[in-house]
Amino acid sequence: MTMQNRDVHRSAVYRAEDQWSATLDRGGVVDFFGSVIDVPEQLRFGALEAVQTYVDDVVAHLEVPPVRVRHRRGGTRAHYSEGEIAIPTTHGWAMRESVVLHEVAHHVCVTGRSSGAHDRYFTATMLELADIRFGPGAALLLRTGYQAAGVPVEETV
């Protein structure tokens, strides 16, 4: 990977999303600078088939091409490549809705914009998915996390 193609915001996106995911793990009421936001609890998947069903529903709603979900060996990360999401299904952290949505966002970006990086198109897509699934309050929390981490955020997808 050349310096021009380096995914410079990757670590910052992961940090912001990890914090957001921890909030979604708990769900409930969040005091956000004096405003009350009711955040739903994220799904935790028990089987690869449940992840595939969920992904099928999300991509159908977005009208993007289908994506295949498969098990990934090793537990260090989930991955998206060429129409396929790989999830380390034996690791609980990976079987969470926020992780799956992150990989779906890569699919949407690659099929729509040819971008695989954690750039402003990715964050805009992830924010759209957060709004659709969790509502505007949870999307606001994610947007704020991205901004605090110095990640560029596109206003519209």
Protein backbone atom coordinates (compact mmCIF):
# COMPACT_ATOMS: atom_id res chain seq x y z
CA MET A 1 0.00 0.00 0.00
CA THR A 2 1.45 3.33 -1.00
CA MET A 3 1.38 6.42 1.17
CA GLN A 4 -1.39 7.84 -1.07
CA ASN A 5 -3.60 4.79 -0.47
CA ARG A 6 -2.95 4.52 3.25
CA ASP A 7 -6.14 4.26 5.31
CA VAL A 8 -5.20 7.11 7.65
CA HIS A 9 -8.45 7.19 9.65
CA ARG A 10 -8.78 3.46 10.30
CA SER A 11 -7.60 3.44 13.92
CA ALA A 12 -9.63 6.54 14.81
CA VAL A 13 -12.78 5.02 13.27
CA TYR A 14 -12.23 1.83 15.29
CA ARG A 15 -11.78 3.81 18.52
CA ALA A 16 -14.94 5.84 17.96
CA GLU A 17 -16.96 2.77 17.03
CA ASP A 18 -15.65 0.74 19.98
CA GLN A 19 -16.86 3.44 22.36
CA TRP A 20 -20.21 3.67 20.56
CA SER A 21 -20.57 -0.12 20.58
CA ALA A 22 -19.99 -0.22 24.34
CA THR A 23 -22.90 2.20 24.74
CA LEU A 24 -25.05 -0.02 22.51
CA ASP A 25 -24.07 -3.07 24.58
CA ARG A 26 -25.72 -1.45 27.60
CA GLY A 27 -28.56 0.34 25.84
CA GLY A 28 -30.86 2.59 27.85
CA VAL A 29 -30.83 6.27 28.69
CA VAL A 30 -27.72 8.35 28.02
CA ASP A 31 -27.25 11.90 29.29
CA PHE A 32 -25.68 13.69 26.35
CA PHE A 33 -24.69 17.22 27.36
CA GLY A 34 -28.01 17.70 29.14
CA SER A 35 -30.14 15.98 26.52
CA VAL A 36 -31.58 12.55 27.19
CA ILE A 37 -31.07 9.97 24.45
CA ASP A 38 -32.69 6.55 24.73
CA VAL A 39 -30.30 4.14 23.01
CA PRO A 40 -31.48 0.67 22.02
CA GLU A 41 -29.37 -2.36 22.90
CA GLN A 42 -27.55 -3.85 19.93
CA LEU A 43 -28.19 -7.38 18.76
CA ARG A 44 -25.78 -10.18 19.57
CA PHE A 45 -25.85 -13.02 17.09
CA GLY A 46 -25.65 -16.65 18.12
CA ALA A 47 -24.95 -18.19 14.73
CA LEU A 48 -23.56 -17.32 11.31
CA GLU A 49 -26.98 -17.96 9.77
CA ALA A 50 -28.48 -15.20 11.94
CA VAL A 51 -25.79 -12.79 10.75
CA GLN A 52 -26.52 -13.69 7.12
CA THR A 53 -30.27 -13.14 7.61
CA TYR A 54 -29.61 -9.77 9.25
CA VAL A 55 -27.20 -8.68 6.48
CA ASP A 56 -29.68 -9.78 3.81
CA ASP A 57 -32.35 -7.58 5.39
CA VAL A 58 -30.04 -4.56 5.65
CA VAL A 59 -28.75 -4.72 2.07
CA ALA A 60 -32.27 -5.28 0.70
CA HIS A 61 -33.38 -2.11 2.48
CA LEU A 62 -30.45 -0.20 0.98
CA GLU A 63 -30.95 -1.69 -2.49
CA VAL A 64 -27.34 -2.77 -2.88
CA PRO A 65 -26.11 -6.12 -4.21
CA PRO A 66 -26.24 -9.10 -1.84
CA VAL A 67 -23.20 -9.94 0.25
CA ARG A 68 -22.14 -13.36 1.50
CA VAL A 69 -21.26 -13.88 5.17
CA ARG A 70 -18.75 -16.55 6.15
CA HIS A 71 -16.80 -17.68 9.21
CA ARG A 72 -13.29 -16.25 9.56
CA ARG A 73 -10.58 -18.17 11.36
CA GLY A 74 -8.74 -16.28 14.02
CA GLY A 75 -10.29 -13.76 16.31
CA THR A 76 -8.47 -10.52 15.69
CA ARG A 77 -10.88 -8.85 13.26
CA ALA A 78 -13.84 -9.07 10.93
CA HIS A 79 -13.21 -8.30 7.28
CA TYR A 80 -14.95 -7.28 4.05
CA SER A 81 -13.63 -8.11 0.60
CA GLU A 82 -15.19 -8.55 -2.83
CA GLY A 83 -18.80 -9.12 -1.82
CA GLU A 84 -17.97 -11.19 1.26
CA ILE A 85 -18.04 -10.45 4.98
CA ALA A 86 -15.84 -12.67 7.14
CA ILE A 87 -16.76 -12.82 10.84
CA PRO A 88 -14.82 -14.74 13.50
CA THR A 89 -17.99 -16.38 14.81
CA THR A 90 -16.33 -18.00 17.82
CA HIS A 91 -15.52 -14.59 19.32
CA GLY A 92 -18.33 -12.71 21.04
CA TRP A 93 -17.00 -9.24 20.21
CA ALA A 94 -17.43 -10.00 16.49
CA MET A 95 -20.98 -11.32 16.75
CA ARG A 96 -22.38 -7.89 17.62
CA GLU A 97 -24.58 -5.75 15.42
CA SER A 98 -22.17 -2.80 15.37
CA VAL A 99 -19.37 -4.99 13.97
CA VAL A 100 -21.65 -6.44 11.30
CA LEU A 101 -22.91 -2.98 10.33
CA HIS A 102 -19.30 -1.79 10.00
CA GLU A 103 -18.65 -4.53 7.44
CA VAL A 104 -21.93 -3.81 5.64
CA ALA A 105 -20.84 -0.16 5.40
CA HIS A 106 -17.68 -1.32 3.59
CA HIS A 107 -19.84 -3.32 1.17
CA VAL A 108 -22.08 -0.33 0.48
CA CYS A 109 -19.08 1.95 -0.10
CA VAL A 110 -17.24 -0.46 -2.35
CA THR A 111 -20.30 -1.25 -4.47
CA GLY A 112 -21.35 2.40 -4.69
CA ARG A 113 -18.16 4.45 -4.61
CA SER A 114 -15.23 2.07 -5.06
CA SER A 115 -13.86 3.14 -1.69
CA GLY A 116 -12.67 0.57 0.83
CA ALA A 117 -11.04 3.07 3.16
CA HIS A 118 -12.38 4.47 6.42
CA ASP A 119 -12.96 7.83 4.77
CA ARG A 120 -15.80 10.38 4.80
CA TYR A 121 -17.93 8.17 2.54
CA PHE A 122 -17.52 5.28 4.93
CA THR A 123 -18.44 7.36 7.98
CA ALA A 124 -21.47 8.83 6.19
CA THR A 125 -22.62 5.33 5.28
CA MET A 126 -22.06 4.06 8.80
CA LEU A 127 -24.02 7.02 10.18
CA GLU A 128 -26.89 6.26 7.80
CA LEU A 129 -26.91 2.63 8.97
CA ALA A 130 -26.79 3.73 12.61
CA ASP A 131 -29.75 6.05 12.06
CA ILE A 132 -31.78 3.37 10.25
CA ARG A 133 -31.12 0.68 12.83
CA PHE A 134 -30.72 2.53 16.13
CA GLY A 135 -32.33 5.92 15.50
CA PRO A 136 -31.09 9.51 15.29
CA GLY A 137 -29.92 9.66 18.91
CA ALA A 138 -27.53 6.73 18.53
CA ALA A 139 -26.36 8.12 15.19
CA LEU A 140 -25.63 11.45 16.93
CA LEU A 141 -23.49 9.63 19.51
CA LEU A 142 -21.52 7.94 16.71
CA ARG A 143 -21.13 11.21 14.77
CA THR A 144 -19.82 12.91 17.90
CA GLY A 145 -17.40 10.04 18.48
CA TYR A 146 -16.10 10.34 14.92
CA GLN A 147 -15.67 14.09 15.25
CA ALA A 148 -13.91 13.79 18.62
CA ALA A 149 -11.53 11.24 17.05
CA GLY A 150 -10.77 13.60 14.16
CA VAL A 151 -12.46 11.45 11.53
CA PRO A 152 -13.94 13.28 8.54
CA VAL A 153 -17.72 13.01 8.30
CA GLU A 154 -19.63 13.62 5.08
CA GLU A 155 -23.00 15.23 5.73
CA THR A 156 -24.90 13.09 3.19
CA VAL A 157 -24.28 9.75 1.57
